[in-house]
């Protein structure tokens, strides 16, 4: 297992979180999903907090460019897509949000645990930068981890990075997080149902 990132050892010592400031000024390849809505627009959601309608999914089945074993997750941070490799040379492709400048990373990890409607506790370094953040949030539609979270481990160690849902769907396709991989709630729920603890995750 390895990670590659500028000052990664320092960053790991400080700790990561998954919330981040509003989207940077990137060209968003998934902007068509939001019909020109501004970043301040609220996404419609169903009674259980799942995103609905045009916000529900970016996923499609494509020829697998990763050549990984079936069941492997590959995150292409440059193009802001995630692939789940399947049989017969195909993959499910999802749009994602990735780390903002200075918070991107690369490495091989695996899913160490999974949670539905996870709680969120910002790390101390994030609270130092953002003292306005809550000290703890229970799971639910307003939680920044969204509907599902898959916790990325290296060996037996929690890397503090997650693949998770989001209550900010307009950030998909942007570099906005503190290193976590964001997905639409509909997409992360679909991925969550297809993978298990131990699934290999390659972040490129």
N, C-alpha and C. Protein backbone atom coordinates (compact mmCIF):
# COMPACT_ATOMS: atom_id res chain seq x y z
N UNK A 1 0.84 -1.19 0.00
CA UNK A 1 0.00 0.00 0.00
C UNK A 1 0.89 1.25 0.00
N UNK A 2 0.47 2.30 -0.73
CA UNK A 2 1.24 3.52 -0.72
C UNK A 2 0.35 4.71 -0.99
N UNK A 3 0.88 5.88 -0.64
CA UNK A 3 0.23 7.13 -0.99
C UNK A 3 1.27 8.04 -1.59
N UNK A 4 0.84 8.91 -2.49
CA UNK A 4 1.74 9.91 -3.06
C UNK A 4 1.03 11.24 -3.03
N UNK A 5 1.61 12.18 -2.30
CA UNK A 5 1.00 13.50 -2.16
C UNK A 5 2.03 14.45 -1.61
N UNK A 6 2.01 15.70 -2.01
CA UNK A 6 2.93 16.69 -1.45
C UNK A 6 2.70 16.80 0.04
N UNK A 7 3.78 16.70 0.82
CA UNK A 7 3.71 16.83 2.28
C UNK A 7 2.66 15.90 2.88
N UNK A 8 2.56 14.68 2.34
CA UNK A 8 1.51 13.78 2.81
C UNK A 8 1.70 13.42 4.27
N UNK A 9 2.93 13.18 4.70
CA UNK A 9 3.13 12.77 6.09
C UNK A 9 2.69 13.87 7.04
N UNK A 10 2.95 15.12 6.68
CA UNK A 10 2.50 16.24 7.52
C UNK A 10 0.99 16.30 7.53
N UNK A 11 0.41 16.13 6.36
CA UNK A 11 -1.05 16.22 6.25
C UNK A 11 -1.73 15.11 7.03
N UNK A 12 -1.17 13.90 7.00
CA UNK A 12 -1.76 12.81 7.76
C UNK A 12 -1.67 13.08 9.25
N UNK A 13 -0.58 13.71 9.65
CA UNK A 13 -0.44 14.03 11.07
C UNK A 13 -1.48 15.06 11.50
N UNK A 14 -1.81 15.99 10.60
CA UNK A 14 -2.79 17.01 10.93
C UNK A 14 -4.20 16.47 10.89
N UNK A 15 -4.43 15.49 10.01
CA UNK A 15 -5.76 14.90 9.88
C UNK A 15 -6.55 15.55 8.77
N UNK A 16 -7.40 14.77 8.13
CA UNK A 16 -8.23 15.24 7.03
C UNK A 16 -9.69 15.21 7.43
N UNK A 17 -10.49 15.91 6.67
CA UNK A 17 -11.93 15.82 6.76
C UNK A 17 -12.50 15.89 5.37
N UNK A 18 -13.81 15.82 5.26
CA UNK A 18 -14.40 15.75 3.92
C UNK A 18 -15.16 16.99 3.52
N UNK A 19 -15.43 17.90 4.43
CA UNK A 19 -16.09 19.13 4.03
C UNK A 19 -15.05 20.09 3.48
N UNK A 20 -15.52 21.08 2.72
CA UNK A 20 -14.60 22.03 2.11
C UNK A 20 -15.36 23.27 1.70
N UNK A 21 -14.62 24.34 1.35
CA UNK A 21 -15.29 25.54 0.88
C UNK A 21 -16.07 25.27 -0.40
N UNK A 22 -16.80 26.27 -0.84
CA UNK A 22 -17.61 26.15 -2.05
C UNK A 22 -16.75 25.81 -3.26
N UNK A 23 -17.38 25.34 -4.32
CA UNK A 23 -16.70 24.87 -5.51
C UNK A 23 -15.77 25.93 -6.10
N UNK A 24 -14.60 25.45 -6.59
CA UNK A 24 -13.67 26.33 -7.28
C UNK A 24 -14.20 26.61 -8.69
N UNK A 25 -13.54 27.51 -9.40
CA UNK A 25 -14.01 27.90 -10.73
C UNK A 25 -13.47 26.94 -11.79
N UNK A 26 -13.90 25.67 -11.74
CA UNK A 26 -13.54 24.68 -12.72
C UNK A 26 -14.66 24.55 -13.75
N UNK A 27 -14.30 24.09 -14.95
CA UNK A 27 -15.31 23.72 -15.93
C UNK A 27 -15.87 22.37 -15.48
N UNK A 28 -17.13 22.33 -15.17
CA UNK A 28 -17.73 21.13 -14.59
C UNK A 28 -18.31 20.25 -15.69
N UNK A 29 -17.74 19.04 -15.92
CA UNK A 29 -18.26 18.19 -16.99
C UNK A 29 -19.64 17.64 -16.69
N UNK A 30 -20.13 17.79 -15.46
CA UNK A 30 -21.45 17.28 -15.09
C UNK A 30 -22.47 18.40 -14.90
N UNK A 31 -22.13 19.60 -15.37
CA UNK A 31 -23.01 20.74 -15.17
C UNK A 31 -24.37 20.53 -15.82
N UNK A 32 -24.41 19.73 -16.89
CA UNK A 32 -25.68 19.49 -17.58
C UNK A 32 -26.73 18.88 -16.65
N UNK A 33 -26.28 18.23 -15.58
CA UNK A 33 -27.22 17.60 -14.66
C UNK A 33 -28.08 18.63 -13.93
N UNK A 34 -27.57 19.82 -13.80
CA UNK A 34 -28.21 20.79 -12.93
C UNK A 34 -28.92 21.89 -13.69
N UNK A 35 -29.02 21.73 -14.99
CA UNK A 35 -29.81 22.63 -15.84
C UNK A 35 -29.50 24.10 -15.60
N UNK A 36 -28.21 24.41 -15.42
CA UNK A 36 -27.81 25.79 -15.27
C UNK A 36 -28.07 26.39 -13.92
N UNK A 37 -28.46 25.57 -12.93
CA UNK A 37 -28.70 26.12 -11.59
C UNK A 37 -27.39 26.63 -10.99
N UNK A 38 -27.47 27.63 -10.17
CA UNK A 38 -26.28 28.15 -9.52
C UNK A 38 -25.87 27.26 -8.37
N UNK A 39 -24.66 27.45 -7.88
CA UNK A 39 -24.16 26.64 -6.76
C UNK A 39 -25.00 26.84 -5.52
N UNK A 40 -25.75 27.93 -5.45
CA UNK A 40 -26.57 28.17 -4.27
C UNK A 40 -27.91 27.46 -4.32
N UNK A 41 -28.21 26.85 -5.48
CA UNK A 41 -29.51 26.19 -5.63
C UNK A 41 -29.61 24.98 -4.75
N UNK A 42 -30.79 24.72 -4.25
CA UNK A 42 -31.02 23.53 -3.43
C UNK A 42 -31.46 22.39 -4.32
N UNK A 43 -30.95 21.19 -4.03
CA UNK A 43 -31.33 20.01 -4.80
C UNK A 43 -32.60 19.41 -4.21
N UNK A 44 -33.54 18.99 -5.06
CA UNK A 44 -34.73 18.33 -4.54
C UNK A 44 -34.37 16.99 -3.94
N UNK A 45 -35.04 16.57 -2.91
CA UNK A 45 -34.75 15.28 -2.32
C UNK A 45 -36.03 14.64 -1.86
N UNK A 46 -35.99 13.32 -1.76
CA UNK A 46 -37.15 12.58 -1.32
C UNK A 46 -37.22 12.60 0.20
N UNK A 47 -38.23 11.97 0.76
CA UNK A 47 -38.44 12.01 2.21
C UNK A 47 -37.30 11.37 2.99
N UNK A 48 -36.56 10.44 2.36
CA UNK A 48 -35.45 9.81 3.09
C UNK A 48 -34.12 10.48 2.81
N UNK A 49 -34.15 11.64 2.13
CA UNK A 49 -32.93 12.39 1.88
C UNK A 49 -32.22 12.02 0.60
N UNK A 50 -32.66 10.97 -0.09
CA UNK A 50 -32.04 10.61 -1.35
C UNK A 50 -32.32 11.68 -2.39
N UNK A 51 -31.34 11.94 -3.24
CA UNK A 51 -31.56 12.88 -4.33
C UNK A 51 -32.51 12.27 -5.33
N UNK A 52 -33.30 13.12 -5.98
CA UNK A 52 -34.29 12.61 -6.90
C UNK A 52 -34.17 13.28 -8.26
N UNK A 53 -34.85 12.72 -9.24
CA UNK A 53 -34.93 13.31 -10.56
C UNK A 53 -33.57 13.52 -11.20
N UNK A 54 -33.34 14.73 -11.73
CA UNK A 54 -32.13 15.01 -12.49
C UNK A 54 -30.87 14.92 -11.64
N UNK A 55 -30.98 14.93 -10.34
CA UNK A 55 -29.83 14.90 -9.45
C UNK A 55 -29.44 13.48 -9.03
N UNK A 56 -30.16 12.47 -9.51
CA UNK A 56 -30.01 11.16 -8.92
C UNK A 56 -28.80 10.37 -9.38
N UNK A 57 -28.29 10.62 -10.60
CA UNK A 57 -27.24 9.73 -11.10
C UNK A 57 -26.43 10.34 -12.22
N UNK A 58 -25.13 10.03 -12.24
CA UNK A 58 -24.25 10.31 -13.37
C UNK A 58 -23.81 9.01 -14.02
N UNK A 59 -24.22 7.87 -13.49
CA UNK A 59 -23.59 6.61 -13.84
C UNK A 59 -23.97 6.11 -15.24
N UNK A 60 -23.01 5.40 -15.83
CA UNK A 60 -23.23 4.77 -17.12
C UNK A 60 -22.29 3.58 -17.22
N UNK A 61 -22.62 2.62 -18.07
CA UNK A 61 -21.78 1.45 -18.32
C UNK A 61 -20.92 1.76 -19.54
N UNK A 62 -19.60 1.58 -19.41
CA UNK A 62 -18.66 1.93 -20.47
C UNK A 62 -17.62 0.82 -20.61
N UNK A 63 -16.86 0.85 -21.70
CA UNK A 63 -15.69 -0.01 -21.82
C UNK A 63 -14.70 0.38 -20.73
N UNK A 64 -14.17 -0.60 -20.02
CA UNK A 64 -13.33 -0.32 -18.85
C UNK A 64 -11.93 0.13 -19.28
N UNK A 65 -11.56 1.40 -19.04
CA UNK A 65 -10.23 1.86 -19.42
C UNK A 65 -9.15 1.48 -18.42
N UNK A 66 -9.54 0.94 -17.26
CA UNK A 66 -8.57 0.70 -16.18
C UNK A 66 -7.89 -0.66 -16.26
N UNK A 67 -8.55 -1.63 -16.90
CA UNK A 67 -8.03 -3.00 -17.01
C UNK A 67 -7.79 -3.65 -15.64
N UNK A 68 -8.55 -3.23 -14.66
CA UNK A 68 -8.45 -3.81 -13.32
C UNK A 68 -9.36 -5.04 -13.20
N UNK A 69 -9.11 -5.82 -12.16
CA UNK A 69 -9.93 -6.99 -11.91
C UNK A 69 -11.36 -6.58 -11.60
N UNK A 70 -12.34 -7.40 -11.99
CA UNK A 70 -13.74 -7.09 -11.63
C UNK A 70 -13.89 -6.87 -10.14
N UNK A 71 -14.67 -5.85 -9.78
CA UNK A 71 -14.88 -5.51 -8.38
C UNK A 71 -13.94 -4.45 -7.85
N UNK A 72 -12.96 -4.02 -8.66
CA UNK A 72 -12.00 -2.99 -8.24
C UNK A 72 -12.55 -1.60 -8.52
N UNK A 73 -12.31 -0.68 -7.60
CA UNK A 73 -12.66 0.73 -7.79
C UNK A 73 -11.42 1.50 -8.22
N UNK A 74 -11.56 2.31 -9.25
CA UNK A 74 -10.48 3.20 -9.70
C UNK A 74 -11.02 4.62 -9.77
N UNK A 75 -10.33 5.56 -9.13
CA UNK A 75 -10.73 6.96 -9.16
C UNK A 75 -9.75 7.73 -10.04
N UNK A 76 -10.24 8.31 -11.12
CA UNK A 76 -9.44 9.15 -12.01
C UNK A 76 -9.67 10.60 -11.56
N UNK A 77 -8.73 11.10 -10.73
CA UNK A 77 -8.94 12.43 -10.16
C UNK A 77 -8.82 13.53 -11.19
N UNK A 78 -8.01 13.32 -12.23
CA UNK A 78 -7.86 14.37 -13.24
C UNK A 78 -9.16 14.59 -14.00
N UNK A 79 -9.82 13.49 -14.36
CA UNK A 79 -11.07 13.59 -15.12
C UNK A 79 -12.31 13.56 -14.23
N UNK A 80 -12.10 13.36 -12.92
CA UNK A 80 -13.17 13.41 -11.92
C UNK A 80 -14.26 12.39 -12.20
N UNK A 81 -13.80 11.16 -12.39
CA UNK A 81 -14.71 10.03 -12.56
C UNK A 81 -14.20 8.85 -11.73
N UNK A 82 -15.12 7.99 -11.35
CA UNK A 82 -14.83 6.76 -10.62
C UNK A 82 -15.33 5.59 -11.44
N UNK A 83 -14.50 4.55 -11.55
CA UNK A 83 -14.89 3.34 -12.28
C UNK A 83 -14.99 2.16 -11.32
N UNK A 84 -16.03 1.38 -11.46
CA UNK A 84 -16.14 0.09 -10.81
C UNK A 84 -16.02 -0.96 -11.91
N UNK A 85 -14.89 -1.69 -11.92
CA UNK A 85 -14.66 -2.68 -12.96
C UNK A 85 -15.63 -3.85 -12.82
N UNK A 86 -16.11 -4.33 -13.97
CA UNK A 86 -17.03 -5.46 -14.00
C UNK A 86 -16.48 -6.53 -14.94
N UNK A 87 -17.26 -7.57 -15.16
CA UNK A 87 -16.86 -8.62 -16.08
C UNK A 87 -16.96 -8.14 -17.53
N UNK A 88 -16.36 -8.92 -18.44
CA UNK A 88 -16.48 -8.68 -19.88
C UNK A 88 -15.92 -7.34 -20.32
N UNK A 89 -14.90 -6.84 -19.60
CA UNK A 89 -14.23 -5.62 -20.02
C UNK A 89 -15.04 -4.36 -19.88
N UNK A 90 -16.09 -4.39 -19.05
CA UNK A 90 -16.91 -3.21 -18.85
C UNK A 90 -16.73 -2.65 -17.44
N UNK A 91 -17.19 -1.43 -17.25
CA UNK A 91 -17.12 -0.77 -15.94
C UNK A 91 -18.32 0.16 -15.80
N UNK A 92 -18.72 0.38 -14.57
CA UNK A 92 -19.69 1.44 -14.28
C UNK A 92 -18.90 2.70 -13.98
N UNK A 93 -19.22 3.77 -14.69
CA UNK A 93 -18.53 5.05 -14.49
C UNK A 93 -19.48 6.01 -13.78
N UNK A 94 -18.94 6.67 -12.75
CA UNK A 94 -19.70 7.67 -11.98
C UNK A 94 -18.92 8.98 -11.98
N UNK A 95 -19.61 10.10 -12.00
CA UNK A 95 -18.98 11.39 -11.79
C UNK A 95 -18.70 11.60 -10.31
N UNK A 96 -17.57 12.24 -9.99
CA UNK A 96 -17.19 12.48 -8.59
C UNK A 96 -16.64 13.89 -8.42
N UNK A 97 -16.63 14.34 -7.17
CA UNK A 97 -15.87 15.51 -6.77
C UNK A 97 -14.60 15.01 -6.08
N UNK A 98 -13.51 15.73 -6.22
CA UNK A 98 -12.22 15.28 -5.69
C UNK A 98 -11.59 16.39 -4.84
N UNK A 99 -10.38 16.14 -4.37
CA UNK A 99 -9.69 17.11 -3.52
C UNK A 99 -9.38 18.40 -4.26
N UNK A 100 -9.52 19.51 -3.56
CA UNK A 100 -9.18 20.80 -4.15
C UNK A 100 -7.66 20.92 -4.23
N UNK A 101 -7.12 21.92 -4.95
CA UNK A 101 -5.67 22.07 -5.08
C UNK A 101 -4.98 22.06 -3.71
N UNK A 102 -3.94 21.25 -3.61
CA UNK A 102 -3.21 21.10 -2.35
C UNK A 102 -3.71 19.94 -1.51
N UNK A 103 -4.87 19.35 -1.88
CA UNK A 103 -5.45 18.25 -1.12
C UNK A 103 -5.66 17.00 -1.96
N UNK A 104 -5.12 16.99 -3.19
CA UNK A 104 -5.22 15.79 -4.01
C UNK A 104 -4.19 14.78 -3.55
N UNK A 105 -4.44 13.51 -3.84
CA UNK A 105 -3.52 12.44 -3.44
C UNK A 105 -3.70 11.26 -4.39
N UNK A 106 -2.74 10.34 -4.37
CA UNK A 106 -2.78 9.15 -5.21
C UNK A 106 -2.31 7.97 -4.39
N UNK A 107 -2.90 6.82 -4.61
CA UNK A 107 -2.46 5.64 -3.88
C UNK A 107 -3.39 4.47 -4.00
N UNK A 108 -2.98 3.35 -3.40
CA UNK A 108 -3.76 2.13 -3.37
C UNK A 108 -4.28 1.91 -1.95
N UNK A 109 -5.57 1.76 -1.82
CA UNK A 109 -6.19 1.55 -0.52
C UNK A 109 -7.24 0.45 -0.64
N UNK A 110 -8.00 0.25 0.39
CA UNK A 110 -9.14 -0.66 0.32
C UNK A 110 -10.25 -0.14 1.23
N UNK A 111 -11.46 -0.61 1.00
CA UNK A 111 -12.57 -0.24 1.87
C UNK A 111 -12.44 -0.99 3.18
N UNK A 112 -12.28 -0.23 4.27
CA UNK A 112 -12.12 -0.84 5.58
C UNK A 112 -13.42 -0.99 6.33
N UNK A 113 -14.38 -0.13 6.03
CA UNK A 113 -15.73 -0.27 6.60
C UNK A 113 -16.70 0.56 5.77
N UNK A 114 -17.98 0.29 5.97
CA UNK A 114 -19.05 0.96 5.24
C UNK A 114 -20.10 1.42 6.24
N UNK A 115 -20.71 2.57 5.97
CA UNK A 115 -21.77 3.07 6.84
C UNK A 115 -22.88 3.70 5.99
N UNK A 116 -24.12 3.38 6.34
CA UNK A 116 -25.27 4.05 5.74
C UNK A 116 -25.65 5.24 6.61
N UNK A 117 -25.93 6.37 5.98
CA UNK A 117 -26.24 7.62 6.66
C UNK A 117 -25.26 7.87 7.83
N UNK A 118 -23.97 8.00 7.49
CA UNK A 118 -22.93 8.09 8.52
C UNK A 118 -22.96 9.40 9.29
N UNK A 119 -22.51 9.33 10.52
CA UNK A 119 -22.26 10.54 11.31
C UNK A 119 -20.94 11.14 10.85
N UNK A 120 -20.71 12.40 11.22
CA UNK A 120 -19.48 13.08 10.81
C UNK A 120 -18.92 13.86 11.99
N UNK A 121 -17.63 13.64 12.28
CA UNK A 121 -16.92 14.41 13.30
C UNK A 121 -15.72 15.06 12.63
N UNK A 122 -15.73 16.37 12.40
CA UNK A 122 -14.60 17.03 11.75
C UNK A 122 -13.33 16.84 12.56
N UNK A 123 -12.19 16.56 11.92
CA UNK A 123 -10.93 16.46 12.66
C UNK A 123 -10.51 17.81 13.22
N UNK A 124 -9.63 17.77 14.19
CA UNK A 124 -9.24 19.00 14.90
C UNK A 124 -8.61 20.03 13.97
N UNK A 125 -7.82 19.56 12.97
CA UNK A 125 -7.19 20.51 12.05
C UNK A 125 -8.24 21.27 11.25
N UNK A 126 -9.30 20.58 10.86
CA UNK A 126 -10.37 21.25 10.13
C UNK A 126 -11.12 22.23 11.02
N UNK A 127 -11.37 21.83 12.26
CA UNK A 127 -12.04 22.74 13.19
C UNK A 127 -11.20 23.98 13.46
N UNK A 128 -9.88 23.82 13.44
CA UNK A 128 -9.00 24.98 13.62
C UNK A 128 -9.16 25.95 12.46
N UNK A 129 -9.28 25.40 11.23
CA UNK A 129 -9.46 26.24 10.05
C UNK A 129 -10.88 26.79 9.97
N UNK A 130 -11.84 25.98 10.44
CA UNK A 130 -13.25 26.34 10.31
C UNK A 130 -13.94 26.19 11.67
N UNK A 131 -13.71 27.13 12.60
CA UNK A 131 -14.31 27.01 13.93
C UNK A 131 -15.84 27.09 13.91
N UNK A 132 -16.42 27.49 12.77
CA UNK A 132 -17.87 27.56 12.67
C UNK A 132 -18.51 26.19 12.48
N UNK A 133 -17.72 25.18 12.16
CA UNK A 133 -18.28 23.85 11.90
C UNK A 133 -18.77 23.21 13.20
N UNK A 134 -19.79 22.35 13.10
CA UNK A 134 -20.23 21.62 14.29
C UNK A 134 -19.17 20.62 14.73
N UNK A 135 -19.14 20.31 16.02
CA UNK A 135 -18.17 19.32 16.54
C UNK A 135 -18.57 17.91 16.17
N UNK A 136 -19.85 17.68 15.92
CA UNK A 136 -20.32 16.36 15.52
C UNK A 136 -21.69 16.52 14.86
N UNK A 137 -21.92 15.72 13.83
CA UNK A 137 -23.23 15.71 13.16
C UNK A 137 -23.71 14.27 13.03
N UNK A 138 -24.93 14.02 13.43
CA UNK A 138 -25.52 12.71 13.22
C UNK A 138 -25.83 12.53 11.73
N UNK A 139 -26.02 11.30 11.32
CA UNK A 139 -26.32 11.02 9.93
C UNK A 139 -27.67 11.57 9.52
N UNK A 140 -27.80 11.91 8.24
CA UNK A 140 -29.06 12.45 7.75
C UNK A 140 -28.85 13.27 6.49
N UNK A 141 -29.92 13.80 5.95
CA UNK A 141 -29.88 14.51 4.68
C UNK A 141 -29.00 15.75 4.72
N UNK A 142 -28.80 16.36 5.89
CA UNK A 142 -27.99 17.57 5.99
C UNK A 142 -26.53 17.29 6.30
N UNK A 143 -26.18 16.02 6.51
CA UNK A 143 -24.80 15.66 6.84
C UNK A 143 -23.94 15.71 5.58
N UNK A 144 -22.74 16.31 5.64
CA UNK A 144 -21.90 16.44 4.44
C UNK A 144 -21.41 15.11 3.88
N UNK A 145 -21.52 14.00 4.65
CA UNK A 145 -21.12 12.70 4.12
C UNK A 145 -22.23 12.03 3.32
N UNK A 146 -23.42 12.63 3.34
CA UNK A 146 -24.49 12.13 2.50
C UNK A 146 -25.06 10.79 2.94
N UNK A 147 -25.58 10.07 1.95
CA UNK A 147 -26.36 8.86 2.23
C UNK A 147 -25.50 7.65 2.60
N UNK A 148 -24.29 7.57 2.09
CA UNK A 148 -23.44 6.41 2.33
C UNK A 148 -21.99 6.86 2.40
N UNK A 149 -21.17 6.11 3.13
CA UNK A 149 -19.73 6.37 3.17
C UNK A 149 -18.98 5.06 3.18
N UNK A 150 -17.90 5.02 2.42
CA UNK A 150 -16.98 3.89 2.40
C UNK A 150 -15.63 4.42 2.85
N UNK A 151 -15.11 3.87 3.95
CA UNK A 151 -13.93 4.39 4.63
C UNK A 151 -12.70 3.70 4.08
N UNK A 152 -11.72 4.48 3.61
CA UNK A 152 -10.55 3.93 2.94
C UNK A 152 -9.43 3.68 3.95
N UNK A 153 -8.93 2.47 3.91
CA UNK A 153 -7.87 2.03 4.83
C UNK A 153 -6.62 1.63 4.04
N UNK A 154 -5.47 1.76 4.70
CA UNK A 154 -4.21 1.25 4.18
C UNK A 154 -3.67 0.30 5.24
N UNK A 155 -3.63 -0.99 4.93
CA UNK A 155 -3.35 -1.97 5.96
C UNK A 155 -4.49 -1.93 6.97
N UNK A 156 -4.16 -1.79 8.24
CA UNK A 156 -5.19 -1.68 9.25
C UNK A 156 -5.47 -0.26 9.68
N UNK A 157 -4.94 0.70 8.95
CA UNK A 157 -5.03 2.10 9.36
C UNK A 157 -6.05 2.86 8.54
N UNK A 158 -6.89 3.62 9.21
CA UNK A 158 -7.84 4.51 8.54
C UNK A 158 -7.07 5.68 7.96
N UNK A 159 -7.16 5.87 6.64
CA UNK A 159 -6.44 6.97 5.99
C UNK A 159 -7.10 8.32 6.25
N UNK A 160 -8.34 8.32 6.77
CA UNK A 160 -9.17 9.50 6.96
C UNK A 160 -9.80 10.00 5.66
N UNK A 161 -9.58 9.28 4.56
CA UNK A 161 -10.26 9.58 3.31
C UNK A 161 -11.48 8.68 3.18
N UNK A 162 -12.53 9.19 2.54
CA UNK A 162 -13.74 8.43 2.33
C UNK A 162 -14.24 8.62 0.89
N UNK A 163 -14.97 7.63 0.41
CA UNK A 163 -15.85 7.81 -0.74
C UNK A 163 -17.23 7.98 -0.14
N UNK A 164 -17.87 9.10 -0.40
CA UNK A 164 -19.13 9.37 0.31
C UNK A 164 -20.10 10.16 -0.56
N UNK A 165 -21.34 10.22 -0.10
CA UNK A 165 -22.35 11.03 -0.76
C UNK A 165 -22.15 12.50 -0.45
N UNK A 166 -23.08 13.30 -0.91
CA UNK A 166 -22.95 14.74 -0.67
C UNK A 166 -24.31 15.41 -0.68
N UNK A 167 -24.47 16.43 0.17
CA UNK A 167 -25.67 17.27 0.12
C UNK A 167 -25.40 18.53 -0.70
N UNK A 168 -24.31 18.53 -1.46
CA UNK A 168 -23.97 19.63 -2.36
C UNK A 168 -23.75 19.06 -3.77
N UNK A 169 -24.82 18.66 -4.44
CA UNK A 169 -24.65 17.97 -5.73
C UNK A 169 -23.95 18.78 -6.80
N UNK A 170 -23.99 20.11 -6.70
CA UNK A 170 -23.35 20.96 -7.70
C UNK A 170 -21.83 20.87 -7.64
N UNK A 171 -21.26 20.23 -6.60
CA UNK A 171 -19.81 20.11 -6.51
C UNK A 171 -19.27 18.91 -7.27
N UNK A 172 -20.15 18.03 -7.76
CA UNK A 172 -19.68 16.88 -8.53
C UNK A 172 -19.04 17.37 -9.83
N UNK A 173 -17.84 16.85 -10.12
CA UNK A 173 -17.08 17.32 -11.27
C UNK A 173 -16.09 18.41 -10.94
N UNK A 174 -16.03 18.81 -9.66
CA UNK A 174 -15.10 19.85 -9.22
C UNK A 174 -14.04 19.29 -8.27
N UNK A 175 -12.98 20.07 -8.06
CA UNK A 175 -11.98 19.80 -7.04
C UNK A 175 -12.30 20.67 -5.84
N UNK A 176 -12.96 20.10 -4.83
CA UNK A 176 -13.52 20.92 -3.76
C UNK A 176 -13.29 20.39 -2.35
N UNK A 177 -12.95 19.11 -2.21
CA UNK A 177 -12.93 18.51 -0.87
C UNK A 177 -11.55 18.61 -0.23
N UNK A 178 -11.44 18.08 0.97
CA UNK A 178 -10.15 17.98 1.64
C UNK A 178 -9.48 16.65 1.36
N UNK A 179 -9.83 16.03 0.26
CA UNK A 179 -9.21 14.78 -0.17
C UNK A 179 -10.18 13.64 -0.35
N UNK A 180 -11.38 13.75 0.22
CA UNK A 180 -12.38 12.69 0.05
C UNK A 180 -12.97 12.73 -1.36
N UNK A 181 -13.57 11.60 -1.75
CA UNK A 181 -14.19 11.46 -3.06
C UNK A 181 -15.70 11.59 -2.88
N UNK A 182 -16.29 12.61 -3.46
CA UNK A 182 -17.73 12.88 -3.31
C UNK A 182 -18.51 12.31 -4.48
N UNK A 183 -19.72 11.84 -4.19
CA UNK A 183 -20.61 11.34 -5.23
C UNK A 183 -22.02 11.86 -4.95
N UNK A 184 -22.84 11.86 -5.99
CA UNK A 184 -24.26 12.10 -5.75
C UNK A 184 -24.79 11.01 -4.82
N UNK A 185 -25.78 11.35 -4.01
CA UNK A 185 -26.33 10.36 -3.09
C UNK A 185 -26.87 9.13 -3.81
N UNK A 186 -27.52 9.32 -4.95
CA UNK A 186 -28.01 8.19 -5.71
C UNK A 186 -26.88 7.31 -6.21
N UNK A 187 -25.79 7.93 -6.66
CA UNK A 187 -24.64 7.17 -7.16
C UNK A 187 -23.92 6.44 -6.04
N UNK A 188 -23.70 7.11 -4.91
CA UNK A 188 -22.96 6.46 -3.83
C UNK A 188 -23.76 5.31 -3.25
N UNK A 189 -25.09 5.44 -3.23
CA UNK A 189 -25.92 4.34 -2.76
C UNK A 189 -25.83 3.15 -3.70
N UNK A 190 -25.77 3.42 -5.00
CA UNK A 190 -25.62 2.34 -5.97
C UNK A 190 -24.27 1.65 -5.81
N UNK A 191 -23.19 2.43 -5.71
CA UNK A 191 -21.86 1.85 -5.54
C UNK A 191 -21.78 1.05 -4.24
N UNK A 192 -22.31 1.61 -3.17
CA UNK A 192 -22.31 0.97 -1.86
C UNK A 192 -22.94 -0.42 -1.92
N UNK A 193 -24.00 -0.54 -2.70
CA UNK A 193 -24.70 -1.82 -2.81
C UNK A 193 -23.92 -2.86 -3.61
N UNK A 194 -22.92 -2.42 -4.37
CA UNK A 194 -22.18 -3.31 -5.26
C UNK A 194 -20.83 -3.77 -4.71
N UNK A 195 -20.34 -3.11 -3.68
CA UNK A 195 -18.99 -3.42 -3.17
C UNK A 195 -19.07 -3.88 -1.73
N UNK A 196 -17.99 -4.45 -1.25
CA UNK A 196 -17.94 -4.96 0.11
C UNK A 196 -16.66 -4.50 0.80
N UNK A 197 -16.62 -4.70 2.10
CA UNK A 197 -15.39 -4.41 2.85
C UNK A 197 -14.26 -5.27 2.27
N UNK A 198 -13.12 -4.65 2.04
CA UNK A 198 -12.00 -5.33 1.42
C UNK A 198 -11.81 -4.97 -0.04
N UNK A 199 -12.81 -4.34 -0.67
CA UNK A 199 -12.69 -3.93 -2.06
C UNK A 199 -11.46 -3.03 -2.26
N UNK A 200 -10.68 -3.32 -3.29
CA UNK A 200 -9.48 -2.52 -3.58
C UNK A 200 -9.88 -1.22 -4.27
N UNK A 201 -9.21 -0.13 -3.86
CA UNK A 201 -9.48 1.20 -4.39
C UNK A 201 -8.17 1.81 -4.86
N UNK A 202 -8.09 2.14 -6.13
CA UNK A 202 -6.92 2.80 -6.70
C UNK A 202 -7.27 4.23 -7.04
N UNK A 203 -6.55 5.17 -6.47
CA UNK A 203 -6.77 6.60 -6.73
C UNK A 203 -5.61 7.09 -7.57
N UNK A 204 -5.90 7.53 -8.79
CA UNK A 204 -4.88 7.93 -9.75
C UNK A 204 -4.76 9.43 -9.88
